[in-house]
N, C-alpha and C. Protein backbone atom coordinates (compact mmCIF):
# COMPACT_ATOMS: atom_id res chain seq x y z
N MET A 1 15.44 8.00 6.07
CA MET A 1 14.55 8.66 5.11
C MET A 1 15.14 9.94 4.60
N SER A 2 16.20 10.40 5.20
CA SER A 2 16.82 11.64 4.67
C SER A 2 17.48 11.39 3.36
N ALA A 3 17.90 10.24 3.06
CA ALA A 3 18.53 9.92 1.76
C ALA A 3 17.43 10.03 0.65
N GLY A 4 16.19 9.53 0.95
CA GLY A 4 15.11 9.64 0.01
C GLY A 4 14.71 11.07 -0.21
N GLY A 5 14.70 11.93 0.81
CA GLY A 5 14.32 13.27 0.77
C GLY A 5 15.32 14.12 -0.03
N SER A 6 16.63 13.80 0.13
CA SER A 6 17.62 14.54 -0.61
C SER A 6 17.62 14.18 -2.12
N GLN A 7 17.27 12.88 -2.37
CA GLN A 7 17.16 12.42 -3.75
C GLN A 7 16.01 13.13 -4.45
N MET A 8 14.88 13.30 -3.72
CA MET A 8 13.69 13.99 -4.28
C MET A 8 14.04 15.45 -4.50
N THR A 9 14.70 16.06 -3.59
CA THR A 9 15.06 17.51 -3.75
C THR A 9 15.98 17.69 -4.94
N GLN A 10 16.96 16.78 -5.11
CA GLN A 10 17.88 16.82 -6.23
C GLN A 10 17.09 16.66 -7.59
N THR A 11 16.16 15.74 -7.58
CA THR A 11 15.42 15.55 -8.84
C THR A 11 14.49 16.77 -9.12
N LEU A 12 13.93 17.32 -8.08
CA LEU A 12 13.07 18.45 -8.26
C LEU A 12 13.95 19.67 -8.73
N LEU A 13 15.11 19.84 -8.24
CA LEU A 13 16.03 20.90 -8.67
C LEU A 13 16.42 20.75 -10.16
N ILE A 14 16.67 19.54 -10.54
CA ILE A 14 17.04 19.28 -11.99
C ILE A 14 15.85 19.59 -12.88
N VAL A 15 14.65 19.22 -12.51
CA VAL A 15 13.42 19.48 -13.29
C VAL A 15 13.22 21.01 -13.43
N VAL A 16 13.38 21.71 -12.31
CA VAL A 16 13.18 23.21 -12.34
C VAL A 16 14.22 23.85 -13.28
N LEU A 17 15.48 23.39 -13.14
CA LEU A 17 16.54 23.96 -14.01
C LEU A 17 16.23 23.66 -15.50
N PHE A 18 15.74 22.45 -15.77
CA PHE A 18 15.45 22.07 -17.16
C PHE A 18 14.35 22.92 -17.70
N VAL A 19 13.31 23.16 -16.96
CA VAL A 19 12.15 24.01 -17.37
C VAL A 19 12.59 25.39 -17.59
N ALA A 20 13.47 25.97 -16.73
CA ALA A 20 13.99 27.26 -16.90
C ALA A 20 14.85 27.39 -18.14
N ALA A 21 15.61 26.42 -18.43
CA ALA A 21 16.44 26.43 -19.60
C ALA A 21 15.60 26.35 -20.91
N MET A 22 14.54 25.62 -20.87
CA MET A 22 13.64 25.57 -22.01
C MET A 22 12.87 26.87 -22.20
N ALA A 23 12.56 27.53 -21.09
CA ALA A 23 11.86 28.85 -21.19
C ALA A 23 12.84 29.90 -21.71
N ALA A 24 14.10 29.84 -21.39
CA ALA A 24 15.13 30.81 -21.80
C ALA A 24 15.66 30.56 -23.27
N LEU A 25 15.43 29.40 -23.79
CA LEU A 25 16.01 29.02 -25.08
C LEU A 25 15.49 29.91 -26.22
N PRO A 26 14.22 30.25 -26.37
CA PRO A 26 13.84 31.16 -27.47
C PRO A 26 14.44 32.58 -27.40
N TRP A 27 14.53 33.08 -26.19
CA TRP A 27 15.18 34.36 -25.98
C TRP A 27 16.66 34.31 -26.39
N LEU A 28 17.35 33.25 -25.99
CA LEU A 28 18.75 33.10 -26.33
C LEU A 28 18.96 32.97 -27.88
N ILE A 29 18.11 32.18 -28.54
CA ILE A 29 18.18 32.04 -29.98
C ILE A 29 17.99 33.35 -30.71
N ARG A 30 16.96 34.17 -30.25
CA ARG A 30 16.70 35.45 -30.83
C ARG A 30 17.85 36.36 -30.71
N LYS A 31 18.48 36.40 -29.53
CA LYS A 31 19.66 37.24 -29.26
C LYS A 31 20.78 36.82 -30.18
N LEU A 32 21.06 35.50 -30.37
CA LEU A 32 22.10 35.08 -31.28
C LEU A 32 21.87 35.42 -32.72
N GLN A 33 20.59 35.38 -33.18
CA GLN A 33 20.21 35.68 -34.53
C GLN A 33 20.48 37.21 -34.75
N GLN A 34 20.16 38.01 -33.79
CA GLN A 34 20.33 39.46 -33.97
C GLN A 34 21.82 39.80 -33.94
N ARG A 35 22.63 39.09 -33.26
CA ARG A 35 24.03 39.38 -33.26
C ARG A 35 24.68 38.88 -34.53
N GLN A 36 24.20 37.81 -35.10
CA GLN A 36 24.79 37.28 -36.36
C GLN A 36 24.40 38.16 -37.58
N SER A 37 23.22 38.80 -37.49
CA SER A 37 22.81 39.64 -38.62
C SER A 37 23.71 40.85 -38.76
N GLY A 38 24.29 41.34 -37.72
CA GLY A 38 25.25 42.38 -37.73
C GLY A 38 24.75 43.73 -37.96
N PRO A 39 25.66 44.69 -38.23
CA PRO A 39 25.26 46.11 -38.39
C PRO A 39 24.54 46.42 -39.69
N PHE A 40 24.68 45.53 -40.67
CA PHE A 40 24.14 45.79 -42.00
C PHE A 40 22.57 45.65 -41.94
N SER A 41 22.04 44.90 -41.06
CA SER A 41 20.59 44.77 -40.99
C SER A 41 19.92 46.11 -40.57
N ALA A 42 20.55 46.84 -39.65
CA ALA A 42 19.97 48.12 -39.29
C ALA A 42 20.10 49.12 -40.40
N ALA A 43 21.22 49.05 -41.18
CA ALA A 43 21.40 50.07 -42.25
C ALA A 43 20.48 49.69 -43.46
N ALA A 44 20.09 48.47 -43.59
CA ALA A 44 19.27 48.10 -44.70
C ALA A 44 17.82 48.56 -44.52
N GLY A 45 17.50 48.96 -43.31
CA GLY A 45 16.14 49.36 -43.03
C GLY A 45 15.19 48.27 -42.60
N VAL A 46 14.13 48.65 -41.98
CA VAL A 46 13.22 47.70 -41.43
C VAL A 46 11.99 47.70 -42.26
N SER A 47 11.43 46.56 -42.61
CA SER A 47 10.19 46.51 -43.32
C SER A 47 9.04 46.89 -42.40
N LYS A 48 8.10 47.61 -42.88
CA LYS A 48 7.00 48.13 -42.09
C LYS A 48 5.66 47.86 -42.76
N VAL A 49 4.76 47.20 -42.04
CA VAL A 49 3.35 47.00 -42.63
C VAL A 49 2.63 48.25 -42.48
N LEU A 50 2.15 48.88 -43.57
CA LEU A 50 1.35 50.09 -43.59
C LEU A 50 -0.09 49.85 -43.36
N SER A 51 -0.61 48.81 -44.04
CA SER A 51 -2.05 48.45 -43.85
C SER A 51 -2.26 47.04 -44.27
N ALA A 52 -3.36 46.47 -43.73
CA ALA A 52 -3.75 45.13 -44.11
C ALA A 52 -5.27 45.12 -44.16
N VAL A 53 -5.86 44.65 -45.26
CA VAL A 53 -7.27 44.60 -45.39
C VAL A 53 -7.71 43.21 -45.77
N ALA A 54 -8.63 42.63 -44.97
CA ALA A 54 -9.11 41.30 -45.23
C ALA A 54 -10.13 41.36 -46.38
N VAL A 55 -9.93 40.57 -47.43
CA VAL A 55 -10.86 40.48 -48.55
C VAL A 55 -11.56 39.12 -48.61
N GLY A 56 -11.24 38.24 -47.67
CA GLY A 56 -11.85 36.92 -47.69
C GLY A 56 -11.48 36.32 -46.39
N PRO A 57 -11.98 35.04 -46.17
CA PRO A 57 -11.65 34.37 -44.91
C PRO A 57 -10.16 34.22 -44.59
N GLN A 58 -9.37 33.85 -45.61
CA GLN A 58 -7.91 33.71 -45.44
C GLN A 58 -7.18 34.50 -46.51
N GLN A 59 -7.75 35.60 -46.94
CA GLN A 59 -7.12 36.42 -47.98
C GLN A 59 -7.06 37.83 -47.48
N ARG A 60 -5.83 38.50 -47.74
CA ARG A 60 -5.64 39.83 -47.30
C ARG A 60 -4.89 40.53 -48.39
N VAL A 61 -5.12 41.89 -48.46
CA VAL A 61 -4.29 42.76 -49.29
C VAL A 61 -3.47 43.56 -48.29
N VAL A 62 -2.15 43.46 -48.36
CA VAL A 62 -1.23 44.05 -47.36
C VAL A 62 -0.35 45.07 -48.11
N THR A 63 -0.16 46.24 -47.51
CA THR A 63 0.72 47.25 -48.07
C THR A 63 1.96 47.29 -47.11
N VAL A 64 3.12 47.09 -47.71
CA VAL A 64 4.35 46.99 -46.96
C VAL A 64 5.35 47.93 -47.51
N GLU A 65 6.10 48.67 -46.62
CA GLU A 65 7.19 49.53 -47.03
C GLU A 65 8.51 48.82 -46.82
N VAL A 66 9.31 48.73 -47.78
CA VAL A 66 10.59 48.02 -47.66
C VAL A 66 11.78 48.83 -48.30
N GLY A 67 12.98 48.43 -48.02
CA GLY A 67 14.14 49.03 -48.55
C GLY A 67 14.89 49.90 -47.61
N PRO A 68 16.03 50.42 -48.07
CA PRO A 68 16.84 51.33 -47.21
C PRO A 68 16.16 52.61 -47.04
N GLU A 69 16.60 53.38 -46.00
CA GLU A 69 15.84 54.63 -45.61
C GLU A 69 15.77 55.65 -46.75
N HIS A 70 16.73 55.76 -47.52
CA HIS A 70 16.72 56.79 -48.62
C HIS A 70 16.06 56.23 -49.92
N GLN A 71 15.71 55.01 -50.00
CA GLN A 71 15.08 54.40 -51.18
C GLN A 71 13.89 53.52 -50.79
N ARG A 72 12.98 53.98 -50.01
CA ARG A 72 11.91 53.12 -49.59
C ARG A 72 10.94 52.79 -50.77
N THR A 73 10.46 51.66 -50.81
CA THR A 73 9.52 51.22 -51.89
C THR A 73 8.30 50.59 -51.16
N VAL A 74 7.11 50.89 -51.77
CA VAL A 74 5.90 50.33 -51.11
C VAL A 74 5.34 49.23 -52.02
N LEU A 75 5.14 48.11 -51.45
CA LEU A 75 4.65 46.92 -52.17
C LEU A 75 3.21 46.64 -51.70
N VAL A 76 2.35 46.35 -52.67
CA VAL A 76 1.00 45.94 -52.40
C VAL A 76 0.98 44.45 -52.68
N LEU A 77 0.74 43.65 -51.61
CA LEU A 77 0.83 42.20 -51.67
C LEU A 77 -0.56 41.56 -51.48
N GLY A 78 -0.76 40.48 -52.19
CA GLY A 78 -1.96 39.65 -51.95
C GLY A 78 -1.46 38.45 -51.16
N VAL A 79 -2.04 38.21 -50.03
CA VAL A 79 -1.62 37.22 -49.10
C VAL A 79 -2.73 36.22 -48.85
N THR A 80 -2.46 34.97 -49.17
CA THR A 80 -3.36 33.91 -48.81
C THR A 80 -2.68 32.87 -47.88
N ALA A 81 -3.39 31.80 -47.56
CA ALA A 81 -2.80 30.79 -46.71
C ALA A 81 -1.65 30.07 -47.42
N GLN A 82 -1.74 29.97 -48.79
CA GLN A 82 -0.76 29.17 -49.49
C GLN A 82 0.36 29.98 -50.11
N GLN A 83 0.13 31.30 -50.46
CA GLN A 83 1.13 32.08 -51.13
C GLN A 83 1.00 33.55 -50.88
N ILE A 84 2.09 34.31 -51.31
CA ILE A 84 2.09 35.73 -51.27
C ILE A 84 2.41 36.22 -52.71
N SER A 85 1.55 37.10 -53.19
CA SER A 85 1.77 37.62 -54.61
C SER A 85 1.92 39.10 -54.58
N CYS A 86 2.90 39.57 -55.38
CA CYS A 86 3.14 41.05 -55.45
C CYS A 86 2.10 41.58 -56.46
N LEU A 87 1.11 42.43 -55.95
CA LEU A 87 0.10 42.93 -56.86
C LEU A 87 0.52 44.22 -57.56
N HIS A 88 1.29 45.06 -56.83
CA HIS A 88 1.72 46.34 -57.37
C HIS A 88 2.97 46.84 -56.64
N VAL A 89 3.80 47.56 -57.34
CA VAL A 89 4.95 48.18 -56.68
C VAL A 89 4.79 49.66 -56.88
N LEU A 90 4.84 50.41 -55.77
CA LEU A 90 4.67 51.88 -55.80
C LEU A 90 6.10 52.50 -55.65
N PRO A 91 6.40 53.59 -56.31
CA PRO A 91 7.70 54.20 -56.12
C PRO A 91 7.86 54.80 -54.75
N SER A 92 9.05 55.15 -54.39
CA SER A 92 9.32 55.74 -53.10
C SER A 92 8.61 57.08 -53.01
N ALA A 93 8.36 57.58 -51.81
CA ALA A 93 7.71 58.85 -51.61
C ALA A 93 8.57 59.99 -52.11
N ALA A 94 9.93 59.86 -52.10
CA ALA A 94 10.84 60.89 -52.56
C ALA A 94 10.65 61.03 -54.03
N ALA A 95 10.48 59.98 -54.81
CA ALA A 95 10.32 60.07 -56.23
C ALA A 95 8.97 60.72 -56.59
N VAL A 96 7.98 60.41 -55.83
CA VAL A 96 6.59 60.91 -56.11
C VAL A 96 6.58 62.40 -55.74
N ALA A 97 7.29 62.82 -54.71
CA ALA A 97 7.22 64.20 -54.27
C ALA A 97 8.19 65.14 -55.09
N ALA A 98 9.05 64.53 -55.93
CA ALA A 98 9.98 65.35 -56.73
C ALA A 98 9.16 66.23 -57.67
N PRO A 99 9.50 67.51 -57.71
CA PRO A 99 8.78 68.44 -58.62
C PRO A 99 9.18 68.26 -60.08
N LEU A 100 8.18 68.47 -60.93
CA LEU A 100 8.40 68.37 -62.38
C LEU A 100 9.20 69.62 -62.85
N PRO A 101 10.01 69.43 -63.92
CA PRO A 101 10.65 70.63 -64.49
C PRO A 101 9.60 71.64 -64.97
N SER A 102 10.01 72.96 -64.93
CA SER A 102 9.01 73.96 -65.31
C SER A 102 8.63 73.94 -66.76
N ASN A 103 9.39 73.35 -67.70
CA ASN A 103 9.03 73.34 -69.06
C ASN A 103 8.06 72.20 -69.36
N VAL A 104 7.76 71.32 -68.43
CA VAL A 104 6.84 70.19 -68.69
C VAL A 104 5.47 70.63 -68.28
N PRO A 105 4.46 70.55 -69.22
CA PRO A 105 3.10 70.90 -68.85
C PRO A 105 2.51 69.90 -67.90
N VAL A 106 1.82 70.34 -66.90
CA VAL A 106 1.17 69.46 -65.94
C VAL A 106 -0.22 69.23 -66.43
N PRO A 107 -0.62 67.98 -66.69
CA PRO A 107 -1.99 67.72 -67.16
C PRO A 107 -2.92 67.97 -66.00
N ALA A 108 -4.09 68.58 -66.36
CA ALA A 108 -5.15 68.89 -65.37
C ALA A 108 -5.80 67.58 -65.10
N GLU A 109 -6.13 67.36 -63.83
CA GLU A 109 -6.87 66.15 -63.50
C GLU A 109 -8.33 66.30 -63.93
N PRO A 110 -8.87 65.27 -64.60
CA PRO A 110 -10.19 65.38 -65.04
C PRO A 110 -11.16 65.33 -63.84
N SER A 111 -12.16 66.27 -63.86
CA SER A 111 -13.12 66.30 -62.83
C SER A 111 -14.35 65.40 -63.23
N PHE A 112 -15.07 64.98 -62.23
CA PHE A 112 -16.24 64.14 -62.53
C PHE A 112 -17.26 64.91 -63.31
N ALA A 113 -17.45 66.17 -62.95
CA ALA A 113 -18.45 67.05 -63.69
C ALA A 113 -18.05 67.24 -65.13
N GLY A 114 -16.78 67.48 -65.42
CA GLY A 114 -16.29 67.59 -66.75
C GLY A 114 -16.47 66.37 -67.54
N GLU A 115 -16.16 65.20 -66.96
CA GLU A 115 -16.33 63.97 -67.63
C GLU A 115 -17.78 63.62 -67.95
N MET A 116 -18.67 63.97 -66.99
CA MET A 116 -20.12 63.72 -67.24
C MET A 116 -20.64 64.65 -68.33
N ALA A 117 -20.14 65.88 -68.37
CA ALA A 117 -20.62 66.84 -69.43
C ALA A 117 -20.16 66.31 -70.79
N THR A 118 -18.96 65.84 -70.86
CA THR A 118 -18.45 65.29 -72.13
C THR A 118 -19.23 64.08 -72.59
N ALA A 119 -19.46 63.13 -71.64
CA ALA A 119 -20.17 61.93 -71.93
C ALA A 119 -21.67 62.30 -72.35
N SER A 120 -22.27 63.24 -71.68
CA SER A 120 -23.68 63.62 -71.99
C SER A 120 -23.68 64.26 -73.37
N ALA A 121 -22.73 65.06 -73.65
CA ALA A 121 -22.70 65.70 -75.01
C ALA A 121 -22.54 64.70 -76.14
N GLN A 122 -21.72 63.67 -75.90
CA GLN A 122 -21.54 62.66 -76.89
C GLN A 122 -22.82 61.79 -77.01
N TRP A 123 -23.45 61.55 -75.89
CA TRP A 123 -24.64 60.70 -75.93
C TRP A 123 -25.84 61.43 -76.65
N GLU A 124 -25.94 62.72 -76.44
CA GLU A 124 -27.05 63.51 -77.01
C GLU A 124 -26.76 63.84 -78.49
N LYS A 125 -25.58 63.72 -79.01
CA LYS A 125 -25.30 64.03 -80.37
C LYS A 125 -26.07 63.04 -81.27
N PRO A 126 -26.86 63.50 -82.20
CA PRO A 126 -27.45 62.53 -83.15
C PRO A 126 -26.48 62.03 -84.07
N SER A 127 -26.44 60.76 -84.25
CA SER A 127 -25.45 60.15 -85.20
C SER A 127 -26.19 59.97 -86.54
N HIS A 128 -25.67 60.62 -87.57
CA HIS A 128 -26.23 60.53 -88.91
C HIS A 128 -25.20 59.82 -89.75
N GLY A 129 -25.15 58.57 -89.60
CA GLY A 129 -24.08 57.91 -90.31
C GLY A 129 -24.60 56.79 -91.03
């Protein structure tokens, strides 16, 4: 009976080794992919999801920051189960934060109160035409 017991132990050992190899396979593949991507992937920058808003059962608006560290770009994407669409491209924060030259007049932002006063004045004007 010892021959049958050793046969069973050997089969059990092979099964355990096979299961361990299958469990380690995804980790090994991930490590190989990181090694093949090389040093340029870290220099290119990592994409970062800034926000995601659900607008339907399988529809989202996602804001993603992409590009190298010194030229980051923000993409607003529409994501569904079937496709991804670029809705808008925002410039990098460095371009937005750059000051305007002193000779360029800065337009004043319209206030709600000012816009309502203008609209009310136009509405109340009698039109004699």
